[in-house]
PDB file of N, CA and C in Angstrom:
ATOM      1  N   MET A   1      -9.524   4.734  12.398  1.00  0.00           N
ATOM      2  CA  MET A   1      -8.800   5.094  11.448  1.00  0.00           C
ATOM      3  C   MET A   1      -9.400   4.195   9.955  1.00  0.00           C
ATOM      4  N   GLN A   2      -9.941   5.565   9.047  1.00  0.00           N
ATOM      5  CA  GLN A   2     -10.294   5.302   8.053  1.00  0.00           C
ATOM      6  C   GLN A   2      -8.987   4.758   7.187  1.00  0.00           C
ATOM      7  N   LEU A   3      -8.810   3.512   6.133  1.00  0.00           N
ATOM      8  CA  LEU A   3      -7.916   3.773   5.312  1.00  0.00           C
ATOM      9  C   LEU A   3      -8.583   2.599   4.033  1.00  0.00           C
ATOM     10  N   THR A   4      -8.109   2.937   2.391  1.00  0.00           N
ATOM     11  CA  THR A   4      -9.076   2.477   1.288  1.00  0.00           C
ATOM     12  C   THR A   4      -7.640   1.285   1.093  1.00  0.00           C
ATOM     13  N   VAL A   5      -7.624  -0.058   1.056  1.00  0.00           N
ATOM     14  CA  VAL A   5      -7.145  -1.136   0.798  1.00  0.00           C
ATOM     15  C   VAL A   5      -7.326  -1.870  -0.344  1.00  0.00           C
ATOM     16  N   ASN A   6      -6.514  -1.796  -1.452  1.00  0.00           N
ATOM     17  CA  ASN A   6      -6.552  -2.590  -2.788  1.00  0.00           C
ATOM     18  C   ASN A   6      -8.324  -2.275  -2.830  1.00  0.00           C
ATOM     19  N   GLY A   7      -8.609  -0.849  -2.702  1.00  0.00           N
ATOM     20  CA  GLY A   7      -9.679  -0.161  -3.284  1.00  0.00           C
ATOM     21  C   GLY A   7     -10.872  -0.835  -2.054  1.00  0.00           C
ATOM     22  N   GLU A   8     -10.844  -1.240  -1.139  1.00  0.00           N
ATOM     23  CA  GLU A   8     -12.060  -1.341  -0.399  1.00  0.00           C
ATOM     24  C   GLU A   8     -11.869  -0.578   0.919  1.00  0.00           C
ATOM     25  N   PRO A   9     -12.655   0.134   1.414  1.00  0.00           N
ATOM     26  CA  PRO A   9     -12.687   0.917   2.715  1.00  0.00           C
ATOM     27  C   PRO A   9     -12.178   0.037   3.949  1.00  0.00           C
ATOM     28  N   ARG A  10     -12.030  -0.032   5.169  1.00  0.00           N
ATOM     29  CA  ARG A  10     -11.391  -0.485   6.100  1.00  0.00           C
ATOM     30  C   ARG A  10     -11.623   0.161   7.014  1.00  0.00           C
ATOM     31  N   THR A  11     -11.738   0.203   8.376  1.00  0.00           N
ATOM     32  CA  THR A  11     -11.634   0.980   9.351  1.00  0.00           C
ATOM     33  C   THR A  11     -11.083   0.121  10.280  1.00  0.00           C
ATOM     34  N   LEU A  12     -10.217   0.672  10.659  1.00  0.00           N
ATOM     35  CA  LEU A  12      -9.192  -0.139  11.727  1.00  0.00           C
ATOM     36  C   LEU A  12      -8.796   0.890  13.442  1.00  0.00           C
ATOM     37  N   ALA A  13      -8.790   0.283  14.490  1.00  0.00           N
ATOM     38  CA  ALA A  13      -9.044   1.032  15.691  1.00  0.00           C
ATOM     39  C   ALA A  13      -7.954   1.696  15.918  1.00  0.00           C
ATOM     40  N   ASP A  14      -6.572   1.186  15.385  1.00  0.00           N
ATOM     41  CA  ASP A  14      -5.641   2.004  15.844  1.00  0.00           C
ATOM     42  C   ASP A  14      -4.729   2.473  14.558  1.00  0.00           C
ATOM     43  N   ALA A  15      -4.004   3.286  15.111  1.00  0.00           N
ATOM     44  CA  ALA A  15      -2.489   3.954  13.831  1.00  0.00           C
ATOM     45  C   ALA A  15      -2.029   3.307  13.785  1.00  0.00           C
ATOM     46  N   LEU A  16      -1.468   2.899  12.739  1.00  0.00           N
ATOM     47  CA  LEU A  16      -0.731   1.375  12.667  1.00  0.00           C
ATOM     48  C   LEU A  16       0.002   1.857  11.175  1.00  0.00           C
ATOM     49  N   ASN A  17       1.510   1.158  11.531  1.00  0.00           N
ATOM     50  CA  ASN A  17       2.524   1.132  10.442  1.00  0.00           C
ATOM     51  C   ASN A  17       1.826   0.630   9.207  1.00  0.00           C
ATOM     52  N   ILE A  18       2.791   0.395   8.313  1.00  0.00           N
ATOM     53  CA  ILE A  18       2.511  -0.891   7.245  1.00  0.00           C
ATOM     54  C   ILE A  18       2.721  -2.079   7.968  1.00  0.00           C
ATOM     55  N   ALA A  19       4.161  -2.802   8.550  1.00  0.00           N
ATOM     56  CA  ALA A  19       4.362  -3.776   9.367  1.00  0.00           C
ATOM     57  C   ALA A  19       2.659  -4.014   9.858  1.00  0.00           C
ATOM     58  N   GLU A  20       2.391  -3.938  10.701  1.00  0.00           N
ATOM     59  CA  GLU A  20       1.376  -4.254  11.490  1.00  0.00           C
ATOM     60  C   GLU A  20       0.129  -4.060  10.718  1.00  0.00           C
ATOM     61  N   LEU A  21      -0.365  -3.086   9.607  1.00  0.00           N
ATOM     62  CA  LEU A  21      -1.066  -3.496   8.809  1.00  0.00           C
ATOM     63  C   LEU A  21      -1.414  -4.762   8.216  1.00  0.00           C
ATOM     64  N   LEU A  22       0.013  -4.896   7.796  1.00  0.00           N
ATOM     65  CA  LEU A  22       0.385  -6.741   6.887  1.00  0.00           C
ATOM     66  C   LEU A  22       0.309  -7.469   7.936  1.00  0.00           C
ATOM     67  N   ALA A  23       0.165  -7.516   9.280  1.00  0.00           N
ATOM     68  CA  ALA A  23       0.409  -8.617   9.790  1.00  0.00           C
ATOM     69  C   ALA A  23      -0.969  -8.625  10.176  1.00  0.00           C
ATOM     70  N   ALA A  24      -1.545  -7.445  10.304  1.00  0.00           N
ATOM     71  CA  ALA A  24      -3.606  -7.907  10.651  1.00  0.00           C
ATOM     72  C   ALA A  24      -3.713  -7.930   9.514  1.00  0.00           C
ATOM     73  N   LEU A  25      -3.015  -7.993   8.184  1.00  0.00           N
ATOM     74  CA  LEU A  25      -4.070  -8.647   6.712  1.00  0.00           C
ATOM     75  C   LEU A  25      -3.395  -9.854   7.150  1.00  0.00           C
ATOM     76  N   GLN A  26      -2.763 -10.409   7.749  1.00  0.00           N
ATOM     77  CA  GLN A  26      -2.117 -11.882   7.262  1.00  0.00           C
ATOM     78  C   GLN A  26      -0.965 -11.971   5.865  1.00  0.00           C
ATOM     79  N   LEU A  27      -0.165 -10.391   6.187  1.00  0.00           N
ATOM     80  CA  LEU A  27       0.337 -10.912   5.135  1.00  0.00           C
ATOM     81  C   LEU A  27       1.931 -11.037   5.339  1.00  0.00           C
ATOM     82  N   GLY A  28       2.150 -10.420   6.720  1.00  0.00           N
ATOM     83  CA  GLY A  28       3.512 -10.407   7.292  1.00  0.00           C
ATOM     84  C   GLY A  28       4.317 -11.230   7.034  1.00  0.00           C
ATOM     85  N   GLY A  29       5.203 -11.325   6.328  1.00  0.00           N
ATOM     86  CA  GLY A  29       6.456 -11.880   5.952  1.00  0.00           C
ATOM     87  C   GLY A  29       6.498 -11.967   4.968  1.00  0.00           C
ATOM     88  N   LYS A  30       5.163 -12.243   4.109  1.00  0.00           N
ATOM     89  CA  LYS A  30       5.131 -12.316   2.439  1.00  0.00           C
ATOM     90  C   LYS A  30       5.898 -11.484   1.820  1.00  0.00           C
ATOM     91  N   ARG A  31       6.247 -11.608   0.581  1.00  0.00           N
ATOM     92  CA  ARG A  31       6.746 -10.906  -0.546  1.00  0.00           C
ATOM     93  C   ARG A  31       5.908 -10.355  -1.451  1.00  0.00           C
ATOM     94  N   VAL A  32       5.765  -8.792  -0.720  1.00  0.00           N
ATOM     95  CA  VAL A  32       4.293  -7.972  -1.301  1.00  0.00           C
ATOM     96  C   VAL A  32       5.573  -6.801  -1.479  1.00  0.00           C
ATOM     97  N   ALA A  33       4.591  -5.958  -2.515  1.00  0.00           N
ATOM     98  CA  ALA A  33       5.316  -4.712  -2.209  1.00  0.00           C
ATOM     99  C   ALA A  33       3.345  -3.607  -1.995  1.00  0.00           C
ATOM    100  N   VAL A  34       3.913  -2.985  -1.617  1.00  0.00           N
ATOM    101  CA  VAL A  34       3.505  -1.581  -0.621  1.00  0.00           C
ATOM    102  C   VAL A  34       3.231  -0.494  -1.187  1.00  0.00           C
ATOM    103  N   GLU A  35       2.216   0.457  -2.007  1.00  0.00           N
ATOM    104  CA  GLU A  35       2.414   1.976  -2.348  1.00  0.00           C
ATOM    105  C   GLU A  35       1.183   2.637  -1.299  1.00  0.00           C
ATOM    106  N   VAL A  36       1.275   3.517  -0.556  1.00  0.00           N
ATOM    107  CA  VAL A  36       0.826   4.274  -0.263  1.00  0.00           C
ATOM    108  C   VAL A  36       0.906   5.984  -0.937  1.00  0.00           C
ATOM    109  N   ASN A  37      -0.377   6.013  -0.996  1.00  0.00           N
ATOM    110  CA  ASN A  37      -0.596   7.356  -1.804  1.00  0.00           C
ATOM    111  C   ASN A  37      -0.121   7.591  -3.126  1.00  0.00           C
ATOM    112  N   GLY A  38       0.339   6.438  -3.632  1.00  0.00           N
ATOM    113  CA  GLY A  38       0.850   6.524  -5.105  1.00  0.00           C
ATOM    114  C   GLY A  38       2.362   6.354  -4.906  1.00  0.00           C
ATOM    115  N   SER A  39       2.945   6.308  -3.852  1.00  0.00           N
ATOM    116  CA  SER A  39       4.385   5.646  -3.775  1.00  0.00           C
ATOM    117  C   SER A  39       4.734   5.078  -2.996  1.00  0.00           C
ATOM    118  N   ILE A  40       5.238   4.220  -3.688  1.00  0.00           N
ATOM    119  CA  ILE A  40       6.254   2.889  -3.197  1.00  0.00           C
ATOM    120  C   ILE A  40       6.809   2.946  -2.086  1.00  0.00           C
ATOM    121  N   VAL A  41       6.573   2.295  -1.210  1.00  0.00           N
ATOM    122  CA  VAL A  41       6.939   2.328  -0.019  1.00  0.00           C
ATOM    123  C   VAL A  41       8.313   0.852   0.511  1.00  0.00           C
ATOM    124  N   PRO A  42       9.660   1.191   0.253  1.00  0.00           N
ATOM    125  CA  PRO A  42      10.481   0.276   0.647  1.00  0.00           C
ATOM    126  C   PRO A  42      10.017  -0.674   1.577  1.00  0.00           C
ATOM    127  N   ARG A  43      10.449  -2.452   1.456  1.00  0.00           N
ATOM    128  CA  ARG A  43      10.247  -3.044   3.031  1.00  0.00           C
ATOM    129  C   ARG A  43      11.274  -2.819   3.806  1.00  0.00           C
ATOM    130  N   SER A  44      12.381  -1.967   3.766  1.00  0.00           N
ATOM    131  CA  SER A  44      13.042  -1.432   4.757  1.00  0.00           C
ATOM    132  C   SER A  44      12.526  -0.618   6.040  1.00  0.00           C
ATOM    133  N   GLN A  45      11.075  -0.224   5.015  1.00  0.00           N
ATOM    134  CA  GLN A  45      10.564   0.910   5.759  1.00  0.00           C
ATOM    135  C   GLN A  45       9.106   1.036   6.285  1.00  0.00           C
ATOM    136  N   HIS A  46       8.845   0.244   6.171  1.00  0.00           N
ATOM    137  CA  HIS A  46       7.442  -0.617   6.271  1.00  0.00           C
ATOM    138  C   HIS A  46       7.131  -0.390   7.862  1.00  0.00           C
ATOM    139  N   ALA A  47       8.236  -0.733   8.807  1.00  0.00           N
ATOM    140  CA  ALA A  47       7.787  -0.326  10.157  1.00  0.00           C
ATOM    141  C   ALA A  47       8.092   1.271  10.540  1.00  0.00           C
ATOM    142  N   ALA A  48       8.621   2.026   9.931  1.00  0.00           N
ATOM    143  CA  ALA A  48       8.779   3.413  10.262  1.00  0.00           C
ATOM    144  C   ALA A  48       7.773   4.396   9.611  1.00  0.00           C
ATOM    145  N   THR A  49       7.031   3.614   8.374  1.00  0.00           N
ATOM    146  CA  THR A  49       6.341   4.339   8.029  1.00  0.00           C
ATOM    147  C   THR A  49       4.542   4.104   8.677  1.00  0.00           C
ATOM    148  N   ALA A  50       4.378   5.589   9.364  1.00  0.00           N
ATOM    149  CA  ALA A  50       2.834   5.455   9.806  1.00  0.00           C
ATOM    150  C   ALA A  50       1.581   5.704   8.885  1.00  0.00           C
ATOM    151  N   LEU A  51       0.684   4.884   9.142  1.00  0.00           N
ATOM    152  CA  LEU A  51      -0.477   5.072   8.241  1.00  0.00           C
ATOM    153  C   LEU A  51      -1.300   5.703   8.917  1.00  0.00           C
ATOM    154  N   ARG A  52      -1.830   7.410   7.866  1.00  0.00           N
ATOM    155  CA  ARG A  52      -2.844   8.562   8.397  1.00  0.00           C
ATOM    156  C   ARG A  52      -4.547   8.130   7.722  1.00  0.00           C
ATOM    157  N   ASP A  53      -5.255   8.723   8.573  1.00  0.00           N
ATOM    158  CA  ASP A  53      -6.598   8.771   8.082  1.00  0.00           C
ATOM    159  C   ASP A  53      -6.633   8.954   6.545  1.00  0.00           C
ATOM    160  N   GLY A  54      -7.185   8.415   6.002  1.00  0.00           N
ATOM    161  CA  GLY A  54      -7.812   8.800   4.733  1.00  0.00           C
ATOM    162  C   GLY A  54      -6.455   7.993   4.098  1.00  0.00           C
ATOM    163  N   ASP A  55      -5.996   7.526   3.980  1.00  0.00           N
ATOM    164  CA  ASP A  55      -4.541   6.932   3.020  1.00  0.00           C
ATOM    165  C   ASP A  55      -5.031   6.119   2.479  1.00  0.00           C
ATOM    166  N   GLN A  56      -4.617   5.880   1.104  1.00  0.00           N
ATOM    167  CA  GLN A  56      -4.679   5.170   0.325  1.00  0.00           C
ATOM    168  C   GLN A  56      -3.484   3.791  -0.551  1.00  0.00           C
ATOM    169  N   VAL A  57      -3.896   2.439  -0.025  1.00  0.00           N
ATOM    170  CA  VAL A  57      -2.384   1.581   0.035  1.00  0.00           C
ATOM    171  C   VAL A  57      -3.422   0.558  -0.815  1.00  0.00           C
ATOM    172  N   LEU A  58      -1.992   0.021  -1.569  1.00  0.00           N
ATOM    173  CA  LEU A  58      -2.355  -0.644  -2.365  1.00  0.00           C
ATOM    174  C   LEU A  58      -1.006  -1.946  -1.876  1.00  0.00           C
ATOM    175  N   ILE A  59      -1.745  -3.019  -2.070  1.00  0.00           N
ATOM    176  CA  ILE A  59      -0.857  -4.162  -1.352  1.00  0.00           C
ATOM    177  C   ILE A  59      -0.943  -5.351  -3.122  1.00  0.00           C
ATOM    178  N   VAL A  60       0.295  -5.735  -3.041  1.00  0.00           N
ATOM    179  CA  VAL A  60       0.638  -6.546  -4.482  1.00  0.00           C
ATOM    180  C   VAL A  60       1.715  -7.621  -3.879  1.00  0.00           C
ATOM    181  N   GLN A  61       1.063  -9.073  -3.479  1.00  0.00           N
ATOM    182  CA  GLN A  61       1.073  -9.906  -3.705  1.00  0.00           C
ATOM    183  C   GLN A  61       2.051 -10.946  -4.803  1.00  0.00           C
ATOM    184  N   ALA A  62       3.610 -10.994  -4.793  1.00  0.00           N
ATOM    185  CA  ALA A  62       4.232 -11.687  -5.764  1.00  0.00           C
ATOM    186  C   ALA A  62       3.870 -13.064  -5.429  1.00  0.00           C
ATOM    187  N   ILE A  63       3.761 -13.511  -6.778  1.00  0.00           N
ATOM    188  CA  ILE A  63       3.413 -15.236  -6.744  1.00  0.00           C
ATOM    189  C   ILE A  63       4.292 -16.030  -7.607  1.00  0.00           C
ATOM    190  N   GLY A  64       5.063 -16.558  -7.139  1.00  0.00           N
ATOM    191  CA  GLY A  64       5.868 -17.575  -7.929  1.00  0.00           C
ATOM    192  C   GLY A  64       5.156 -18.938  -8.396  1.00  0.00           C
ATOM    193  N   GLY A  65       6.080 -18.776  -9.687  1.00  0.00           N
ATOM    194  CA  GLY A  65       5.588 -20.004 -10.414  1.00  0.00           C
ATOM    195  C   GLY A  65       6.486 -20.267 -12.267  1.00  0.00           C
ATOM    196  N   GLY A  66       5.994 -21.610 -12.539  1.00  0.00           N
ATOM    197  CA  GLY A  66       7.310 -21.471 -13.833  1.00  0.00           C
ATOM    198  C   GLY A  66       6.472 -22.561 -14.672  1.00  0.00           C
TER     199      GLY A  66
END
């Protein structure tokens, strides 16, 4: 499966959902916002949202500071 993640092409062996993609990118459990093909996907839907070949994924990580 071919995806574009944050502007970079990635080839993945298996179909994944968003939660699995985040785990593969070592972002599981971190505070992130995910957009797929221009639509924000709520965290509650990450495990239920399957990614498809050709999807454009944008992942933004929240960074705290003061």
